[in-house]
N, C-alpha and C. Protein backbone atom coordinates (compact mmCIF):
# COMPACT_ATOMS: atom_id res chain seq x y z
N UNK A 1 29.50 -27.06 32.17
CA UNK A 1 29.84 -26.12 31.14
C UNK A 1 28.73 -26.16 30.09
N UNK A 2 28.23 -25.01 29.69
CA UNK A 2 27.18 -24.96 28.67
C UNK A 2 27.72 -24.34 27.38
N UNK A 3 27.09 -24.67 26.30
CA UNK A 3 27.50 -24.12 25.02
C UNK A 3 26.40 -23.24 24.46
N UNK A 4 26.80 -22.28 23.68
CA UNK A 4 25.85 -21.37 23.06
C UNK A 4 25.76 -21.70 21.58
N UNK A 5 24.55 -21.88 21.11
CA UNK A 5 24.34 -22.16 19.70
C UNK A 5 24.06 -20.85 18.97
N UNK A 6 24.64 -20.74 17.82
CA UNK A 6 24.39 -19.57 16.99
C UNK A 6 23.46 -19.99 15.87
N UNK A 7 22.31 -19.31 15.79
CA UNK A 7 21.35 -19.63 14.76
C UNK A 7 21.78 -19.00 13.43
N UNK A 8 21.50 -19.65 12.33
CA UNK A 8 21.86 -19.07 11.03
C UNK A 8 21.07 -17.78 10.79
N UNK A 9 21.70 -16.86 10.08
CA UNK A 9 21.03 -15.60 9.78
C UNK A 9 19.83 -15.86 8.88
N UNK A 10 18.78 -15.11 9.13
CA UNK A 10 17.58 -15.24 8.32
C UNK A 10 17.19 -13.87 7.80
N UNK A 11 16.76 -13.86 6.56
CA UNK A 11 16.26 -12.61 6.02
C UNK A 11 14.84 -12.43 6.49
N UNK A 12 14.52 -11.24 6.91
CA UNK A 12 13.15 -10.94 7.28
C UNK A 12 12.62 -9.86 6.37
N UNK A 13 11.43 -10.04 5.93
CA UNK A 13 10.78 -9.07 5.07
C UNK A 13 9.67 -8.43 5.86
N UNK A 14 9.65 -7.09 5.94
CA UNK A 14 8.58 -6.46 6.70
C UNK A 14 7.23 -6.73 6.05
N UNK A 15 6.25 -6.94 6.86
CA UNK A 15 4.92 -7.21 6.35
C UNK A 15 4.26 -5.88 6.04
N UNK A 16 4.06 -5.60 4.75
CA UNK A 16 3.51 -4.31 4.36
C UNK A 16 2.04 -4.40 3.98
N UNK A 17 1.42 -5.51 4.30
CA UNK A 17 0.01 -5.68 4.03
C UNK A 17 -0.61 -6.35 5.24
N UNK A 18 -1.90 -6.32 5.33
CA UNK A 18 -2.56 -6.98 6.45
C UNK A 18 -3.79 -7.72 5.94
N UNK A 19 -4.36 -8.52 6.77
CA UNK A 19 -5.56 -9.21 6.39
C UNK A 19 -5.28 -10.51 5.67
N UNK A 20 -6.27 -10.91 4.86
CA UNK A 20 -6.20 -12.21 4.22
C UNK A 20 -5.61 -12.20 2.83
N UNK A 21 -5.04 -11.08 2.40
CA UNK A 21 -4.42 -11.03 1.08
C UNK A 21 -5.31 -10.43 0.01
N UNK A 22 -6.57 -10.15 0.31
CA UNK A 22 -7.45 -9.56 -0.68
C UNK A 22 -6.94 -8.21 -1.18
N UNK A 23 -6.20 -7.50 -0.34
CA UNK A 23 -5.69 -6.19 -0.73
C UNK A 23 -4.79 -6.28 -1.96
N UNK A 24 -4.17 -7.43 -2.18
CA UNK A 24 -3.26 -7.59 -3.31
C UNK A 24 -4.00 -7.73 -4.63
N UNK A 25 -5.28 -7.95 -4.58
CA UNK A 25 -6.07 -8.16 -5.79
C UNK A 25 -6.70 -6.89 -6.32
N UNK A 26 -6.49 -5.77 -5.65
CA UNK A 26 -7.17 -4.53 -6.00
C UNK A 26 -6.19 -3.39 -6.28
N UNK A 27 -6.70 -2.40 -7.02
CA UNK A 27 -6.01 -1.12 -7.15
C UNK A 27 -6.54 -0.25 -6.00
N UNK A 28 -5.66 0.49 -5.37
CA UNK A 28 -6.03 1.27 -4.19
C UNK A 28 -5.92 2.76 -4.44
N UNK A 29 -6.73 3.53 -3.72
CA UNK A 29 -6.67 4.98 -3.79
C UNK A 29 -5.68 5.51 -2.76
N UNK A 30 -4.86 6.47 -3.21
CA UNK A 30 -3.92 7.18 -2.34
C UNK A 30 -3.62 8.52 -3.01
N UNK A 31 -2.96 9.40 -2.30
CA UNK A 31 -2.57 10.70 -2.85
C UNK A 31 -1.66 10.49 -4.05
N UNK A 32 -2.02 11.09 -5.19
CA UNK A 32 -1.27 10.83 -6.43
C UNK A 32 0.18 11.29 -6.33
N UNK A 33 0.45 12.35 -5.58
CA UNK A 33 1.84 12.80 -5.43
C UNK A 33 2.66 11.79 -4.62
N UNK A 34 2.01 11.19 -3.62
CA UNK A 34 2.70 10.18 -2.81
C UNK A 34 2.93 8.91 -3.62
N UNK A 35 1.98 8.57 -4.51
CA UNK A 35 2.15 7.39 -5.35
C UNK A 35 3.39 7.57 -6.23
N UNK A 36 3.48 8.73 -6.87
CA UNK A 36 4.63 9.01 -7.74
C UNK A 36 5.93 8.97 -6.96
N UNK A 37 5.95 9.63 -5.81
CA UNK A 37 7.16 9.65 -4.98
C UNK A 37 7.54 8.23 -4.55
N UNK A 38 6.55 7.44 -4.16
CA UNK A 38 6.80 6.08 -3.72
C UNK A 38 7.37 5.21 -4.84
N UNK A 39 6.86 5.41 -6.05
CA UNK A 39 7.36 4.63 -7.18
C UNK A 39 8.81 4.96 -7.47
N UNK A 40 9.20 6.21 -7.22
CA UNK A 40 10.58 6.64 -7.47
C UNK A 40 11.51 6.21 -6.33
N UNK A 41 11.07 6.43 -5.09
CA UNK A 41 11.94 6.20 -3.95
C UNK A 41 11.83 4.80 -3.34
N UNK A 42 10.71 4.13 -3.59
CA UNK A 42 10.51 2.81 -2.99
C UNK A 42 9.99 2.87 -1.57
N UNK A 43 9.57 4.05 -1.14
CA UNK A 43 9.04 4.23 0.21
C UNK A 43 7.57 3.80 0.25
N UNK A 44 7.18 2.95 1.18
CA UNK A 44 5.79 2.52 1.27
C UNK A 44 4.84 3.69 1.58
N UNK A 45 3.62 3.60 1.05
CA UNK A 45 2.58 4.58 1.33
C UNK A 45 1.35 3.86 1.85
N UNK A 46 0.39 4.64 2.35
CA UNK A 46 -0.84 4.06 2.90
C UNK A 46 -2.03 4.46 2.02
N UNK A 47 -2.80 3.46 1.62
CA UNK A 47 -4.02 3.69 0.84
C UNK A 47 -5.13 4.17 1.78
N UNK A 48 -6.23 4.64 1.20
CA UNK A 48 -7.35 5.10 2.02
C UNK A 48 -7.87 3.99 2.93
N UNK A 49 -7.80 2.74 2.47
CA UNK A 49 -8.31 1.61 3.25
C UNK A 49 -7.34 1.17 4.34
N UNK A 50 -6.13 1.73 4.33
CA UNK A 50 -5.15 1.37 5.35
C UNK A 50 -4.04 0.46 4.86
N UNK A 51 -4.16 -0.08 3.67
CA UNK A 51 -3.11 -0.95 3.13
C UNK A 51 -1.83 -0.15 2.95
N UNK A 52 -0.72 -0.72 3.37
CA UNK A 52 0.59 -0.10 3.20
C UNK A 52 1.35 -0.91 2.16
N UNK A 53 1.84 -0.22 1.12
CA UNK A 53 2.53 -0.92 0.04
C UNK A 53 3.36 0.05 -0.78
N UNK A 54 4.20 -0.52 -1.64
CA UNK A 54 4.99 0.28 -2.58
C UNK A 54 4.37 0.05 -3.95
N UNK A 55 3.77 1.08 -4.56
CA UNK A 55 3.15 0.92 -5.87
C UNK A 55 4.17 0.49 -6.92
N UNK A 56 3.78 -0.50 -7.73
CA UNK A 56 4.71 -0.97 -8.75
C UNK A 56 4.01 -1.61 -9.95
N UNK A 57 2.71 -1.56 -10.01
CA UNK A 57 2.00 -2.24 -11.09
C UNK A 57 0.97 -1.31 -11.72
N UNK A 58 0.44 -1.72 -12.86
CA UNK A 58 -0.55 -0.93 -13.58
C UNK A 58 -1.92 -1.10 -12.90
N UNK A 59 -2.45 -0.04 -12.28
CA UNK A 59 -3.71 -0.16 -11.55
C UNK A 59 -4.90 -0.43 -12.47
N UNK A 60 -4.77 -0.15 -13.76
CA UNK A 60 -5.87 -0.36 -14.69
C UNK A 60 -6.17 -1.85 -14.90
N UNK A 61 -5.25 -2.70 -14.50
CA UNK A 61 -5.42 -4.14 -14.67
C UNK A 61 -6.17 -4.79 -13.50
N UNK A 62 -6.53 -3.99 -12.49
CA UNK A 62 -7.15 -4.52 -11.29
C UNK A 62 -8.42 -3.74 -10.95
N UNK A 63 -9.40 -4.39 -10.33
CA UNK A 63 -10.58 -3.64 -9.89
C UNK A 63 -10.21 -2.75 -8.70
N UNK A 64 -10.97 -1.68 -8.52
CA UNK A 64 -10.72 -0.76 -7.41
C UNK A 64 -11.14 -1.42 -6.11
N UNK A 65 -10.31 -1.23 -5.09
CA UNK A 65 -10.60 -1.75 -3.75
C UNK A 65 -11.95 -1.18 -3.30
N UNK A 66 -12.91 -2.05 -2.93
CA UNK A 66 -14.23 -1.54 -2.52
C UNK A 66 -14.17 -0.63 -1.30
N UNK A 67 -13.26 -0.91 -0.39
CA UNK A 67 -13.14 -0.09 0.82
C UNK A 67 -12.58 1.29 0.46
N UNK A 68 -11.56 1.34 -0.39
CA UNK A 68 -11.00 2.63 -0.84
C UNK A 68 -12.07 3.43 -1.58
N UNK A 69 -12.81 2.75 -2.45
CA UNK A 69 -13.83 3.42 -3.26
C UNK A 69 -14.90 4.04 -2.37
N UNK A 70 -15.34 3.30 -1.36
CA UNK A 70 -16.36 3.80 -0.44
C UNK A 70 -15.85 5.03 0.32
N UNK A 71 -14.62 4.96 0.80
CA UNK A 71 -14.03 6.10 1.53
C UNK A 71 -13.87 7.29 0.61
N UNK A 72 -13.37 7.05 -0.61
CA UNK A 72 -13.15 8.13 -1.57
C UNK A 72 -14.46 8.84 -1.93
N UNK A 73 -15.53 8.06 -2.12
CA UNK A 73 -16.82 8.65 -2.47
C UNK A 73 -17.41 9.45 -1.31
N UNK A 74 -16.99 9.16 -0.09
CA UNK A 74 -17.46 9.89 1.08
C UNK A 74 -16.70 11.17 1.35
N UNK A 75 -15.59 11.37 0.64
CA UNK A 75 -14.79 12.59 0.84
C UNK A 75 -15.45 13.77 0.15
N UNK A 76 -15.27 14.98 0.69
CA UNK A 76 -15.82 16.16 0.00
C UNK A 76 -15.12 16.36 -1.35
N UNK A 77 -15.87 16.77 -2.35
CA UNK A 77 -15.29 16.96 -3.68
C UNK A 77 -14.52 18.27 -3.77
N UNK A 78 -13.43 18.24 -4.58
CA UNK A 78 -12.62 19.45 -4.80
C UNK A 78 -11.92 19.91 -3.56
N UNK A 79 -11.18 20.98 -3.68
CA UNK A 79 -10.55 21.60 -2.54
C UNK A 79 -9.27 20.95 -2.06
N UNK A 80 -9.03 19.71 -2.44
CA UNK A 80 -7.82 19.03 -1.99
C UNK A 80 -6.66 19.32 -2.92
N UNK A 81 -5.46 19.46 -2.36
CA UNK A 81 -4.31 19.76 -3.21
C UNK A 81 -3.69 18.51 -3.80
N UNK A 82 -3.85 17.37 -3.12
CA UNK A 82 -3.21 16.15 -3.59
C UNK A 82 -4.07 15.34 -4.54
N UNK A 83 -5.37 15.36 -4.28
CA UNK A 83 -6.26 14.57 -5.11
C UNK A 83 -6.06 13.09 -4.85
N UNK A 84 -7.00 12.32 -5.25
CA UNK A 84 -6.89 10.87 -5.08
C UNK A 84 -6.55 10.23 -6.41
N UNK A 85 -5.87 9.16 -6.36
CA UNK A 85 -5.54 8.40 -7.55
C UNK A 85 -5.47 6.96 -7.11
N UNK A 86 -5.41 6.06 -8.07
CA UNK A 86 -5.33 4.66 -7.69
C UNK A 86 -4.08 4.03 -8.21
N UNK A 87 -3.63 3.03 -7.52
CA UNK A 87 -2.44 2.24 -7.91
C UNK A 87 -2.70 0.81 -7.50
């Protein structure tokens, strides 16, 4: 006769960032309308560099992500309806 063990429930938090954590030290560029929506709804968004997060802090307190900045500078100027912003 064998017995079945029940493991205790564990909370799991989805990993919304990748890499070595450097992404947490920067303000990132993303569509400003999506940033606003994300701050209201709590829905994660994706920055130009690929980081996925829920904006919640003052981006002026952090340096701009070098990868986001490089991508943003390579985009054609004007013509976009969303525009870029940082968080």
